[in-house]
């Protein structure tokens, strides 16, 4: 089964993403801070990670989280999707994301990534 990790400080966004991913038989787990997500990613080895770029810096914003994940060999192979309402695509790409979704994005955008990367069962 495909595993997904969602990192977003807004609980409503976590719940929405978890519900949507479950429709594709993707086991999703959400956390509300970059640091927590980084540590959980080491345990779970998720296939795909969704990271909100705009989170409090004391818990690691999305850019810091993505960069640290790319620097960790255990996590570096996971697909990373940056999600944001106002972050920089150039900075997200430089940090190491594979995809960039800017709000408002639709669940169809996520579906395209899932299918493109053959993550749906």
PDB file of N, CA and C in Angstrom:
ATOM      1  N   UNK A   1       0.841  -1.184   0.000  1.00  0.00           N
ATOM      2  CA  UNK A   1       0.000   0.000   0.000  1.00  0.00           C
ATOM      3  C   UNK A   1       0.881   1.239   0.000  1.00  0.00           C
ATOM      4  N   UNK A   2       0.491   2.213  -0.789  1.00  0.00           N
ATOM      5  CA  UNK A   2       1.203   3.477  -0.861  1.00  0.00           C
ATOM      6  C   UNK A   2       1.001   4.258   0.432  1.00  0.00           C
ATOM      7  N   UNK A   3       2.091   4.861   0.926  1.00  0.00           N
ATOM      8  CA  UNK A   3       2.043   5.649   2.154  1.00  0.00           C
ATOM      9  C   UNK A   3       2.295   7.118   1.842  1.00  0.00           C
ATOM     10  N   UNK A   4       1.487   7.977   2.451  1.00  0.00           N
ATOM     11  CA  UNK A   4       1.646   9.419   2.285  1.00  0.00           C
ATOM     12  C   UNK A   4       1.774  10.083   3.647  1.00  0.00           C
ATOM     13  N   UNK A   5       2.588  11.122   3.688  1.00  0.00           N
ATOM     14  CA  UNK A   5       2.734  11.953   4.875  1.00  0.00           C
ATOM     15  C   UNK A   5       2.316  13.364   4.476  1.00  0.00           C
ATOM     16  N   UNK A   6       1.459  13.958   5.289  1.00  0.00           N
ATOM     17  CA  UNK A   6       0.992  15.322   5.044  1.00  0.00           C
ATOM     18  C   UNK A   6       1.477  16.182   6.202  1.00  0.00           C
ATOM     19  N   UNK A   7       2.165  17.265   5.880  1.00  0.00           N
ATOM     20  CA  UNK A   7       2.684  18.173   6.895  1.00  0.00           C
ATOM     21  C   UNK A   7       2.065  19.540   6.648  1.00  0.00           C
ATOM     22  N   UNK A   8       1.191  19.948   7.562  1.00  0.00           N
ATOM     23  CA  UNK A   8       0.472  21.214   7.419  1.00  0.00           C
ATOM     24  C   UNK A   8       0.019  21.653   8.802  1.00  0.00           C
ATOM     25  N   UNK A   9       0.233  22.911   9.144  1.00  0.00           N
ATOM     26  CA  UNK A   9      -0.153  23.382  10.474  1.00  0.00           C
ATOM     27  C   UNK A   9      -1.656  23.612  10.604  1.00  0.00           C
ATOM     28  N   UNK A  10      -2.400  23.554   9.507  1.00  0.00           N
ATOM     29  CA  UNK A  10      -3.857  23.718   9.550  1.00  0.00           C
ATOM     30  C   UNK A  10      -4.524  22.344   9.566  1.00  0.00           C
ATOM     31  N   UNK A  11      -5.146  22.009  10.681  1.00  0.00           N
ATOM     32  CA  UNK A  11      -5.745  20.684  10.850  1.00  0.00           C
ATOM     33  C   UNK A  11      -6.824  20.392   9.809  1.00  0.00           C
ATOM     34  N   UNK A  12      -7.571  21.416   9.385  1.00  0.00           N
ATOM     35  CA  UNK A  12      -8.606  21.209   8.361  1.00  0.00           C
ATOM     36  C   UNK A  12      -7.985  20.725   7.053  1.00  0.00           C
ATOM     37  N   UNK A  13      -6.832  21.288   6.700  1.00  0.00           N
ATOM     38  CA  UNK A  13      -6.134  20.852   5.480  1.00  0.00           C
ATOM     39  C   UNK A  13      -5.660  19.406   5.606  1.00  0.00           C
ATOM     40  N   UNK A  14      -5.179  19.040   6.782  1.00  0.00           N
ATOM     41  CA  UNK A  14      -4.728  17.658   7.011  1.00  0.00           C
ATOM     42  C   UNK A  14      -5.883  16.681   6.806  1.00  0.00           C
ATOM     43  N   UNK A  15      -7.002  16.977   7.432  1.00  0.00           N
ATOM     44  CA  UNK A  15      -8.160  16.075   7.353  1.00  0.00           C
ATOM     45  C   UNK A  15      -8.666  15.949   5.923  1.00  0.00           C
ATOM     46  N   UNK A  16      -8.717  17.065   5.204  1.00  0.00           N
ATOM     47  CA  UNK A  16      -9.172  17.050   3.819  1.00  0.00           C
ATOM     48  C   UNK A  16      -8.251  16.196   2.949  1.00  0.00           C
ATOM     49  N   UNK A  17      -6.957  16.383   3.091  1.00  0.00           N
ATOM     50  CA  UNK A  17      -5.989  15.603   2.302  1.00  0.00           C
ATOM     51  C   UNK A  17      -6.052  14.122   2.668  1.00  0.00           C
ATOM     52  N   UNK A  18      -6.124  13.809   3.951  1.00  0.00           N
ATOM     53  CA  UNK A  18      -6.205  12.410   4.382  1.00  0.00           C
ATOM     54  C   UNK A  18      -7.435  11.740   3.772  1.00  0.00           C
ATOM     55  N   UNK A  19      -8.574  12.421   3.806  1.00  0.00           N
ATOM     56  CA  UNK A  19      -9.807  11.855   3.255  1.00  0.00           C
ATOM     57  C   UNK A  19      -9.688  11.652   1.748  1.00  0.00           C
ATOM     58  N   UNK A  20      -9.125  12.624   1.074  1.00  0.00           N
ATOM     59  CA  UNK A  20      -9.001  12.506  -0.380  1.00  0.00           C
ATOM     60  C   UNK A  20      -8.049  11.372  -0.772  1.00  0.00           C
ATOM     61  N   UNK A  21      -6.926  11.281  -0.120  1.00  0.00           N
ATOM     62  CA  UNK A  21      -5.956  10.240  -0.461  1.00  0.00           C
ATOM     63  C   UNK A  21      -6.489   8.844  -0.182  1.00  0.00           C
ATOM     64  N   UNK A  22      -7.336   8.714   0.831  1.00  0.00           N
ATOM     65  CA  UNK A  22      -7.886   7.397   1.152  1.00  0.00           C
ATOM     66  C   UNK A  22      -8.745   6.859   0.005  1.00  0.00           C
ATOM     67  N   UNK A  23      -9.288   7.742  -0.820  1.00  0.00           N
ATOM     68  CA  UNK A  23     -10.074   7.314  -1.982  1.00  0.00           C
ATOM     69  C   UNK A  23      -9.220   6.574  -3.007  1.00  0.00           C
ATOM     70  N   UNK A  24      -7.917   6.742  -2.923  1.00  0.00           N
ATOM     71  CA  UNK A  24      -6.987   6.073  -3.836  1.00  0.00           C
ATOM     72  C   UNK A  24      -6.243   4.923  -3.144  1.00  0.00           C
ATOM     73  N   UNK A  25      -6.780   4.475  -2.016  1.00  0.00           N
ATOM     74  CA  UNK A  25      -6.129   3.435  -1.217  1.00  0.00           C
ATOM     75  C   UNK A  25      -4.710   3.827  -0.818  1.00  0.00           C
ATOM     76  N   UNK A  26      -4.539   5.091  -0.508  1.00  0.00           N
ATOM     77  CA  UNK A  26      -3.254   5.585  -0.025  1.00  0.00           C
ATOM     78  C   UNK A  26      -3.393   5.794   1.478  1.00  0.00           C
ATOM     79  N   UNK A  27      -2.528   5.153   2.226  1.00  0.00           N
ATOM     80  CA  UNK A  27      -2.519   5.294   3.685  1.00  0.00           C
ATOM     81  C   UNK A  27      -1.869   6.629   4.016  1.00  0.00           C
ATOM     82  N   UNK A  28      -2.637   7.550   4.579  1.00  0.00           N
ATOM     83  CA  UNK A  28      -2.135   8.895   4.849  1.00  0.00           C
ATOM     84  C   UNK A  28      -2.088   9.189   6.337  1.00  0.00           C
ATOM     85  N   UNK A  29      -1.039   9.871   6.727  1.00  0.00           N
ATOM     86  CA  UNK A  29      -0.891  10.317   8.106  1.00  0.00           C
ATOM     87  C   UNK A  29      -0.504  11.789   8.059  1.00  0.00           C
ATOM     88  N   UNK A  30      -1.110  12.586   8.921  1.00  0.00           N
ATOM     89  CA  UNK A  30      -0.832  14.007   8.948  1.00  0.00           C
ATOM     90  C   UNK A  30      -0.244  14.472  10.260  1.00  0.00           C
ATOM     91  N   UNK A  31       0.642  15.464  10.171  1.00  0.00           N
ATOM     92  CA  UNK A  31       1.241  16.101  11.347  1.00  0.00           C
ATOM     93  C   UNK A  31       1.254  17.609  11.115  1.00  0.00           C
ATOM     94  N   UNK A  32       1.379  18.366  12.191  1.00  0.00           N
ATOM     95  CA  UNK A  32       1.249  19.813  12.114  1.00  0.00           C
ATOM     96  C   UNK A  32       2.547  20.600  12.208  1.00  0.00           C
ATOM     97  N   UNK A  33       3.695  19.949  12.135  1.00  0.00           N
ATOM     98  CA  UNK A  33       4.952  20.709  12.151  1.00  0.00           C
ATOM     99  C   UNK A  33       5.998  20.020  11.287  1.00  0.00           C
ATOM    100  N   UNK A  34       6.875  20.837  10.745  1.00  0.00           N
ATOM    101  CA  UNK A  34       7.941  20.312   9.903  1.00  0.00           C
ATOM    102  C   UNK A  34       8.873  19.369  10.644  1.00  0.00           C
ATOM    103  N   UNK A  35       9.249  19.731  11.861  1.00  0.00           N
ATOM    104  CA  UNK A  35      10.141  18.867  12.643  1.00  0.00           C
ATOM    105  C   UNK A  35       9.500  17.512  12.910  1.00  0.00           C
ATOM    106  N   UNK A  36       8.231  17.524  13.302  1.00  0.00           N
ATOM    107  CA  UNK A  36       7.522  16.280  13.576  1.00  0.00           C
ATOM    108  C   UNK A  36       7.415  15.445  12.296  1.00  0.00           C
ATOM    109  N   UNK A  37       7.134  16.096  11.186  1.00  0.00           N
ATOM    110  CA  UNK A  37       7.046  15.398   9.914  1.00  0.00           C
ATOM    111  C   UNK A  37       8.362  14.783   9.493  1.00  0.00           C
ATOM    112  N   UNK A  38       9.440  15.501   9.720  1.00  0.00           N
ATOM    113  CA  UNK A  38      10.774  14.991   9.390  1.00  0.00           C
ATOM    114  C   UNK A  38      11.066  13.703  10.159  1.00  0.00           C
ATOM    115  N   UNK A  39      10.806  13.716  11.439  1.00  0.00           N
ATOM    116  CA  UNK A  39      11.068  12.535  12.261  1.00  0.00           C
ATOM    117  C   UNK A  39      10.139  11.375  11.900  1.00  0.00           C
ATOM    118  N   UNK A  40       8.883  11.678  11.626  1.00  0.00           N
ATOM    119  CA  UNK A  40       7.938  10.639  11.241  1.00  0.00           C
ATOM    120  C   UNK A  40       8.304  10.044   9.875  1.00  0.00           C
ATOM    121  N   UNK A  41       8.782  10.868   8.975  1.00  0.00           N
ATOM    122  CA  UNK A  41       9.194  10.380   7.654  1.00  0.00           C
ATOM    123  C   UNK A  41      10.332   9.366   7.772  1.00  0.00           C
ATOM    124  N   UNK A  42      11.213   9.562   8.734  1.00  0.00           N
ATOM    125  CA  UNK A  42      12.296   8.592   8.950  1.00  0.00           C
ATOM    126  C   UNK A  42      11.749   7.237   9.386  1.00  0.00           C
ATOM    127  N   UNK A  43      10.681   7.255  10.161  1.00  0.00           N
ATOM    128  CA  UNK A  43      10.062   6.008  10.630  1.00  0.00           C
ATOM    129  C   UNK A  43       9.220   5.342   9.546  1.00  0.00           C
ATOM    130  N   UNK A  44       8.435   6.145   8.814  1.00  0.00           N
ATOM    131  CA  UNK A  44       7.460   5.606   7.867  1.00  0.00           C
ATOM    132  C   UNK A  44       8.009   5.314   6.476  1.00  0.00           C
ATOM    133  N   UNK A  45       9.041   6.036   6.065  1.00  0.00           N
ATOM    134  CA  UNK A  45       9.528   5.970   4.682  1.00  0.00           C
ATOM    135  C   UNK A  45       8.362   6.111   3.704  1.00  0.00           C
ATOM    136  N   UNK A  46       7.657   7.257   3.729  1.00  0.00           N
ATOM    137  CA  UNK A  46       6.491   7.430   2.862  1.00  0.00           C
ATOM    138  C   UNK A  46       6.884   7.506   1.389  1.00  0.00           C
ATOM    139  N   UNK A  47       5.948   7.120   0.541  1.00  0.00           N
ATOM    140  CA  UNK A  47       6.166   7.203  -0.897  1.00  0.00           C
ATOM    141  C   UNK A  47       6.038   8.649  -1.379  1.00  0.00           C
ATOM    142  N   UNK A  48       5.130   9.390  -0.744  1.00  0.00           N
ATOM    143  CA  UNK A  48       4.883  10.781  -1.120  1.00  0.00           C
ATOM    144  C   UNK A  48       4.672  11.616   0.133  1.00  0.00           C
ATOM    145  N   UNK A  49       5.204  12.831   0.099  1.00  0.00           N
ATOM    146  CA  UNK A  49       5.100  13.755   1.227  1.00  0.00           C
ATOM    147  C   UNK A  49       4.547  15.076   0.710  1.00  0.00           C
ATOM    148  N   UNK A  50       3.470  15.547   1.333  1.00  0.00           N
ATOM    149  CA  UNK A  50       2.895  16.850   1.023  1.00  0.00           C
ATOM    150  C   UNK A  50       3.327  17.803   2.127  1.00  0.00           C
ATOM    151  N   UNK A  51       3.973  18.921   1.760  1.00  0.00           N
ATOM    152  CA  UNK A  51       4.512  19.845   2.759  1.00  0.00           C
ATOM    153  C   UNK A  51       3.980  21.253   2.511  1.00  0.00           C
ATOM    154  N   UNK A  52       3.297  21.794   3.514  1.00  0.00           N
ATOM    155  CA  UNK A  52       2.877  23.191   3.479  1.00  0.00           C
ATOM    156  C   UNK A  52       4.131  24.040   3.629  1.00  0.00           C
ATOM    157  N   UNK A  53       4.305  25.031   2.767  1.00  0.00           N
ATOM    158  CA  UNK A  53       5.506  25.865   2.843  1.00  0.00           C
ATOM    159  C   UNK A  53       5.432  26.907   3.951  1.00  0.00           C
ATOM    160  N   UNK A  54       4.234  27.374   4.260  1.00  0.00           N
ATOM    161  CA  UNK A  54       4.089  28.471   5.206  1.00  0.00           C
ATOM    162  C   UNK A  54       3.619  27.958   6.561  1.00  0.00           C
ATOM    163  N   UNK A  55       4.587  27.529   7.350  1.00  0.00           N
ATOM    164  CA  UNK A  55       4.344  27.091   8.730  1.00  0.00           C
ATOM    165  C   UNK A  55       5.272  27.894   9.628  1.00  0.00           C
ATOM    166  N   UNK A  56       5.011  27.907  10.920  1.00  0.00           N
ATOM    167  CA  UNK A  56       5.893  28.647  11.826  1.00  0.00           C
ATOM    168  C   UNK A  56       7.345  28.159  11.723  1.00  0.00           C
ATOM    169  N   UNK A  57       8.280  29.111  11.664  1.00  0.00           N
ATOM    170  CA  UNK A  57       9.688  28.741  11.492  1.00  0.00           C
ATOM    171  C   UNK A  57      10.257  27.993  12.695  1.00  0.00           C
ATOM    172  N   UNK A  58       9.707  28.218  13.897  1.00  0.00           N
ATOM    173  CA  UNK A  58      10.242  27.517  15.066  1.00  0.00           C
ATOM    174  C   UNK A  58       9.941  26.014  15.010  1.00  0.00           C
ATOM    175  N   UNK A  59       8.975  25.623  14.178  1.00  0.00           N
ATOM    176  CA  UNK A  59       8.690  24.199  13.994  1.00  0.00           C
ATOM    177  C   UNK A  59       9.181  23.725  12.627  1.00  0.00           C
ATOM    178  N   UNK A  60       9.910  24.550  11.948  1.00  0.00           N
ATOM    179  CA  UNK A  60      10.441  24.402  10.587  1.00  0.00           C
ATOM    180  C   UNK A  60       9.362  24.731   9.576  1.00  0.00           C
ATOM    181  N   UNK A  61       9.609  25.734   8.795  1.00  0.00           N
ATOM    182  CA  UNK A  61       8.710  26.022   7.683  1.00  0.00           C
ATOM    183  C   UNK A  61       8.920  24.945   6.614  1.00  0.00           C
ATOM    184  N   UNK A  62       8.126  25.001   5.568  1.00  0.00           N
ATOM    185  CA  UNK A  62       8.195  23.973   4.540  1.00  0.00           C
ATOM    186  C   UNK A  62       9.523  23.913   3.813  1.00  0.00           C
ATOM    187  N   UNK A  63      10.130  25.056   3.558  1.00  0.00           N
ATOM    188  CA  UNK A  63      11.410  25.076   2.854  1.00  0.00           C
ATOM    189  C   UNK A  63      12.484  24.338   3.655  1.00  0.00           C
ATOM    190  N   UNK A  64      12.542  24.637   4.943  1.00  0.00           N
ATOM    191  CA  UNK A  64      13.516  23.977   5.821  1.00  0.00           C
ATOM    192  C   UNK A  64      13.235  22.482   5.908  1.00  0.00           C
ATOM    193  N   UNK A  65      11.965  22.133   6.019  1.00  0.00           N
ATOM    194  CA  UNK A  65      11.578  20.726   6.103  1.00  0.00           C
ATOM    195  C   UNK A  65      11.998  19.966   4.846  1.00  0.00           C
ATOM    196  N   UNK A  66      11.694  20.531   3.684  1.00  0.00           N
ATOM    197  CA  UNK A  66      12.048  19.870   2.419  1.00  0.00           C
ATOM    198  C   UNK A  66      13.558  19.727   2.293  1.00  0.00           C
ATOM    199  N   UNK A  67      14.294  20.784   2.584  1.00  0.00           N
ATOM    200  CA  UNK A  67      15.756  20.725   2.472  1.00  0.00           C
ATOM    201  C   UNK A  67      16.330  19.647   3.386  1.00  0.00           C
ATOM    202  N   UNK A  68      15.860  19.595   4.619  1.00  0.00           N
ATOM    203  CA  UNK A  68      16.361  18.581   5.551  1.00  0.00           C
ATOM    204  C   UNK A  68      16.001  17.171   5.096  1.00  0.00           C
ATOM    205  N   UNK A  69      14.822  17.008   4.506  1.00  0.00           N
ATOM    206  CA  UNK A  69      14.439  15.689   3.998  1.00  0.00           C
ATOM    207  C   UNK A  69      15.338  15.275   2.830  1.00  0.00           C
ATOM    208  N   UNK A  70      15.647  16.212   1.956  1.00  0.00           N
ATOM    209  CA  UNK A  70      16.502  15.897   0.809  1.00  0.00           C
ATOM    210  C   UNK A  70      17.942  15.593   1.250  1.00  0.00           C
ATOM    211  N   UNK A  71      18.341  16.133   2.375  1.00  0.00           N
ATOM    212  CA  UNK A  71      19.686  15.878   2.902  1.00  0.00           C
ATOM    213  C   UNK A  71      19.782  14.568   3.678  1.00  0.00           C
ATOM    214  N   UNK A  72      18.644  13.905   3.903  1.00  0.00           N
ATOM    215  CA  UNK A  72      18.616  12.651   4.661  1.00  0.00           C
ATOM    216  C   UNK A  72      18.412  11.498   3.682  1.00  0.00           C
ATOM    217  N   UNK A  73      19.407  10.648   3.545  1.00  0.00           N
ATOM    218  CA  UNK A  73      19.363   9.551   2.570  1.00  0.00           C
ATOM    219  C   UNK A  73      18.146   8.650   2.765  1.00  0.00           C
ATOM    220  N   UNK A  74      17.689   8.513   3.983  1.00  0.00           N
ATOM    221  CA  UNK A  74      16.553   7.641   4.292  1.00  0.00           C
ATOM    222  C   UNK A  74      15.239   8.196   3.731  1.00  0.00           C
ATOM    223  N   UNK A  75      15.134   9.498   3.618  1.00  0.00           N
ATOM    224  CA  UNK A  75      13.911  10.145   3.158  1.00  0.00           C
ATOM    225  C   UNK A  75      14.036  10.674   1.732  1.00  0.00           C
ATOM    226  N   UNK A  76      15.244  10.903   1.268  1.00  0.00           N
ATOM    227  CA  UNK A  76      15.494  11.619   0.014  1.00  0.00           C
ATOM    228  C   UNK A  76      14.785  11.041  -1.205  1.00  0.00           C
ATOM    229  N   UNK A  77      14.474   9.764  -1.189  1.00  0.00           N
ATOM    230  CA  UNK A  77      13.825   9.147  -2.354  1.00  0.00           C
ATOM    231  C   UNK A  77      12.320   9.362  -2.386  1.00  0.00           C
ATOM    232  N   UNK A  78      11.739   9.845  -1.300  1.00  0.00           N
ATOM    233  CA  UNK A  78      10.303  10.121  -1.266  1.00  0.00           C
ATOM    234  C   UNK A  78       9.981  11.270  -2.216  1.00  0.00           C
ATOM    235  N   UNK A  79       8.843  11.184  -2.863  1.00  0.00           N
ATOM    236  CA  UNK A  79       8.346  12.249  -3.715  1.00  0.00           C
ATOM    237  C   UNK A  79       7.840  13.361  -2.803  1.00  0.00           C
ATOM    238  N   UNK A  80       8.215  14.607  -3.063  1.00  0.00           N
ATOM    239  CA  UNK A  80       7.790  15.717  -2.209  1.00  0.00           C
ATOM    240  C   UNK A  80       6.991  16.726  -3.024  1.00  0.00           C
ATOM    241  N   UNK A  81       5.787  17.034  -2.512  1.00  0.00           N
ATOM    242  CA  UNK A  81       4.903  18.005  -3.129  1.00  0.00           C
ATOM    243  C   UNK A  81       4.778  19.194  -2.185  1.00  0.00           C
ATOM    244  N   UNK A  82       5.228  20.356  -2.633  1.00  0.00           N
ATOM    245  CA  UNK A  82       5.077  21.584  -1.845  1.00  0.00           C
ATOM    246  C   UNK A  82       3.685  22.138  -2.103  1.00  0.00           C
ATOM    247  N   UNK A  83       3.002  22.513  -1.022  1.00  0.00           N
ATOM    248  CA  UNK A  83       1.686  23.132  -1.147  1.00  0.00           C
ATOM    249  C   UNK A  83       1.716  24.469  -0.402  1.00  0.00           C
ATOM    250  N   UNK A  84       1.084  25.487  -0.984  1.00  0.00           N
ATOM    251  CA  UNK A  84       1.178  26.799  -0.369  1.00  0.00           C
ATOM    252  C   UNK A  84       0.078  27.729  -0.837  1.00  0.00           C
ATOM    253  N   UNK A  85      -0.171  28.706  -0.030  1.00  0.00           N
ATOM    254  CA  UNK A  85      -1.094  29.766  -0.401  1.00  0.00           C
ATOM    255  C   UNK A  85      -0.356  31.011  -0.841  1.00  0.00           C
ATOM    256  N   UNK A  86       0.943  31.010  -0.726  1.00  0.00           N
ATOM    257  CA  UNK A  86       1.677  32.209  -1.106  1.00  0.00           C
ATOM    258  C   UNK A  86       3.180  32.069  -1.042  1.00  0.00           C
ATOM    259  N   UNK A  87       3.683  30.855  -1.069  1.00  0.00           N
ATOM    260  CA  UNK A  87       5.126  30.653  -1.032  1.00  0.00           C
ATOM    261  C   UNK A  87       5.739  30.767  -2.412  1.00  0.00           C
ATOM    262  N   UNK A  88       7.044  30.669  -2.460  1.00  0.00           N
ATOM    263  CA  UNK A  88       7.799  30.824  -3.693  1.00  0.00           C
ATOM    264  C   UNK A  88       8.087  29.473  -4.340  1.00  0.00           C
ATOM    265  N   UNK A  89       7.649  29.317  -5.594  1.00  0.00           N
ATOM    266  CA  UNK A  89       7.945  28.076  -6.310  1.00  0.00           C
ATOM    267  C   UNK A  89       9.447  27.913  -6.529  1.00  0.00           C
ATOM    268  N   UNK A  90      10.135  28.994  -6.873  1.00  0.00           N
ATOM    269  CA  UNK A  90      11.579  28.914  -7.101  1.00  0.00           C
ATOM    270  C   UNK A  90      12.300  28.440  -5.842  1.00  0.00           C
ATOM    271  N   UNK A  91      11.923  28.987  -4.687  1.00  0.00           N
ATOM    272  CA  UNK A  91      12.560  28.591  -3.431  1.00  0.00           C
ATOM    273  C   UNK A  91      12.203  27.152  -3.069  1.00  0.00           C
ATOM    274  N   UNK A  92      10.965  26.744  -3.340  1.00  0.00           N
ATOM    275  CA  UNK A  92      10.548  25.369  -3.053  1.00  0.00           C
ATOM    276  C   UNK A  92      11.311  24.383  -3.931  1.00  0.00           C
ATOM    277  N   UNK A  93      11.475  24.726  -5.195  1.00  0.00           N
ATOM    278  CA  UNK A  93      12.237  23.864  -6.113  1.00  0.00           C
ATOM    279  C   UNK A  93      13.704  23.795  -5.682  1.00  0.00           C
ATOM    280  N   UNK A  94      14.243  24.928  -5.274  1.00  0.00           N
ATOM    281  CA  UNK A  94      15.632  24.954  -4.811  1.00  0.00           C
ATOM    282  C   UNK A  94      15.800  24.099  -3.552  1.00  0.00           C
ATOM    283  N   UNK A  95      14.803  24.080  -2.691  1.00  0.00           N
ATOM    284  CA  UNK A  95      14.863  23.255  -1.480  1.00  0.00           C
ATOM    285  C   UNK A  95      14.793  21.767  -1.823  1.00  0.00           C
ATOM    286  N   UNK A  96      14.133  21.440  -2.958  1.00  0.00           N
ATOM    287  CA  UNK A  96      14.117  20.051  -3.386  1.00  0.00           C
ATOM    288  C   UNK A  96      12.766  19.420  -3.648  1.00  0.00           C
ATOM    289  N   UNK A  97      11.698  20.215  -3.770  1.00  0.00           N
ATOM    290  CA  UNK A  97      10.398  19.597  -4.033  1.00  0.00           C
ATOM    291  C   UNK A  97      10.324  19.097  -5.473  1.00  0.00           C
ATOM    292  N   UNK A  98       9.490  18.093  -5.685  1.00  0.00           N
ATOM    293  CA  UNK A  98       9.280  17.532  -7.017  1.00  0.00           C
ATOM    294  C   UNK A  98       8.101  18.193  -7.728  1.00  0.00           C
ATOM    295  N   UNK A  99       7.099  18.585  -6.950  1.00  0.00           N
ATOM    296  CA  UNK A  99       5.904  19.240  -7.482  1.00  0.00           C
ATOM    297  C   UNK A  99       5.585  20.436  -6.614  1.00  0.00           C
ATOM    298  N   UNK A 100       4.878  21.405  -7.198  1.00  0.00           N
ATOM    299  CA  UNK A 100       4.494  22.622  -6.492  1.00  0.00           C
ATOM    300  C   UNK A 100       3.023  22.892  -6.781  1.00  0.00           C
ATOM    301  N   UNK A 101       2.216  22.988  -5.734  1.00  0.00           N
ATOM    302  CA  UNK A 101       0.792  23.302  -5.872  1.00  0.00           C
ATOM    303  C   UNK A 101       0.477  24.558  -5.079  1.00  0.00           C
ATOM    304  N   UNK A 102      -0.089  25.547  -5.765  1.00  0.00           N
ATOM    305  CA  UNK A 102      -0.450  26.800  -5.121  1.00  0.00           C
ATOM    306  C   UNK A 102      -1.953  26.835  -4.915  1.00  0.00           C
ATOM    307  N   UNK A 103      -2.396  27.244  -3.706  1.00  0.00           N
ATOM    308  CA  UNK A 103      -3.821  27.415  -3.432  1.00  0.00           C
ATOM    309  C   UNK A 103      -4.361  28.546  -4.288  1.00  0.00           C
ATOM    310  N   UNK A 104      -5.540  28.474  -4.808  1.00  0.00           N
ATOM    311  CA  UNK A 104      -6.429  27.325  -4.631  1.00  0.00           C
ATOM    312  C   UNK A 104      -6.130  26.253  -5.682  1.00  0.00           C
ATOM    313  N   UNK A 105      -5.798  25.080  -5.221  1.00  0.00           N
ATOM    314  CA  UNK A 105      -5.636  23.959  -6.134  1.00  0.00           C
ATOM    315  C   UNK A 105      -6.764  22.985  -5.846  1.00  0.00           C
ATOM    316  N   UNK A 106      -7.066  22.162  -6.821  1.00  0.00           N
ATOM    317  CA  UNK A 106      -8.148  21.208  -6.659  1.00  0.00           C
ATOM    318  C   UNK A 106      -7.619  19.816  -6.399  1.00  0.00           C
ATOM    319  N   UNK A 107      -8.480  18.982  -5.921  1.00  0.00           N
ATOM    320  CA  UNK A 107      -8.082  17.598  -5.684  1.00  0.00           C
ATOM    321  C   UNK A 107      -7.723  16.909  -7.000  1.00  0.00           C
ATOM    322  N   UNK A 108      -8.212  17.446  -8.105  1.00  0.00           N
ATOM    323  CA  UNK A 108      -7.835  16.917  -9.429  1.00  0.00           C
ATOM    324  C   UNK A 108      -6.332  17.082  -9.653  1.00  0.00           C
ATOM    325  N   UNK A 109      -5.747  18.168  -9.150  1.00  0.00           N
ATOM    326  CA  UNK A 109      -4.302  18.385  -9.278  1.00  0.00           C
ATOM    327  C   UNK A 109      -3.520  17.301  -8.540  1.00  0.00           C
ATOM    328  N   UNK A 110      -4.015  16.924  -7.377  1.00  0.00           N
ATOM    329  CA  UNK A 110      -3.371  15.854  -6.606  1.00  0.00           C
ATOM    330  C   UNK A 110      -3.555  14.517  -7.320  1.00  0.00           C
ATOM    331  N   UNK A 111      -4.734  14.305  -7.861  1.00  0.00           N
ATOM    332  CA  UNK A 111      -5.008  13.076  -8.608  1.00  0.00           C
ATOM    333  C   UNK A 111      -4.041  12.924  -9.788  1.00  0.00           C
ATOM    334  N   UNK A 112      -3.769  14.012 -10.479  1.00  0.00           N
ATOM    335  CA  UNK A 112      -2.835  13.968 -11.614  1.00  0.00           C
ATOM    336  C   UNK A 112      -1.451  13.511 -11.150  1.00  0.00           C
ATOM    337  N   UNK A 113      -0.978  14.038 -10.031  1.00  0.00           N
ATOM    338  CA  UNK A 113       0.331  13.639  -9.500  1.00  0.00           C
ATOM    339  C   UNK A 113       0.317  12.160  -9.121  1.00  0.00           C
ATOM    340  N   UNK A 114      -0.730  11.729  -8.449  1.00  0.00           N
ATOM    341  CA  UNK A 114      -0.836  10.335  -8.004  1.00  0.00           C
ATOM    342  C   UNK A 114      -0.793   9.393  -9.208  1.00  0.00           C
ATOM    343  N   UNK A 115      -1.530   9.737 -10.249  1.00  0.00           N
ATOM    344  CA  UNK A 115      -1.550   8.889 -11.442  1.00  0.00           C
ATOM    345  C   UNK A 115      -0.246   8.966 -12.214  1.00  0.00           C
ATOM    346  N   UNK A 116       0.305  10.174 -12.348  1.00  0.00           N
ATOM    347  CA  UNK A 116       1.569  10.357 -13.069  1.00  0.00           C
ATOM    348  C   UNK A 116       2.700   9.549 -12.431  1.00  0.00           C
ATOM    349  N   UNK A 117       2.685   9.478 -11.115  1.00  0.00           N
ATOM    350  CA  UNK A 117       3.743   8.779 -10.380  1.00  0.00           C
ATOM    351  C   UNK A 117       3.371   7.338 -10.080  1.00  0.00           C
ATOM    352  N   UNK A 118       2.237   6.872 -10.607  1.00  0.00           N
ATOM    353  CA  UNK A 118       1.761   5.494 -10.411  1.00  0.00           C
ATOM    354  C   UNK A 118       1.645   5.118  -8.931  1.00  0.00           C
ATOM    355  N   UNK A 119       1.060   6.014  -8.145  1.00  0.00           N
ATOM    356  CA  UNK A 119       0.926   5.773  -6.711  1.00  0.00           C
ATOM    357  C   UNK A 119      -0.425   5.191  -6.332  1.00  0.00           C
ATOM    358  N   UNK A 120      -1.406   5.294  -7.209  1.00  0.00           N
ATOM    359  CA  UNK A 120      -2.731   4.740  -6.921  1.00  0.00           C
ATOM    360  C   UNK A 120      -2.731   3.252  -7.169  1.00  0.00           C
ATOM    361  N   UNK A 121      -3.478   2.534  -6.335  1.00  0.00           N
ATOM    362  CA  UNK A 121      -3.531   1.073  -6.543  1.00  0.00           C
ATOM    363  C   UNK A 121      -4.689   0.676  -7.408  1.00  0.00           C
TER     364      UNK A 121
END
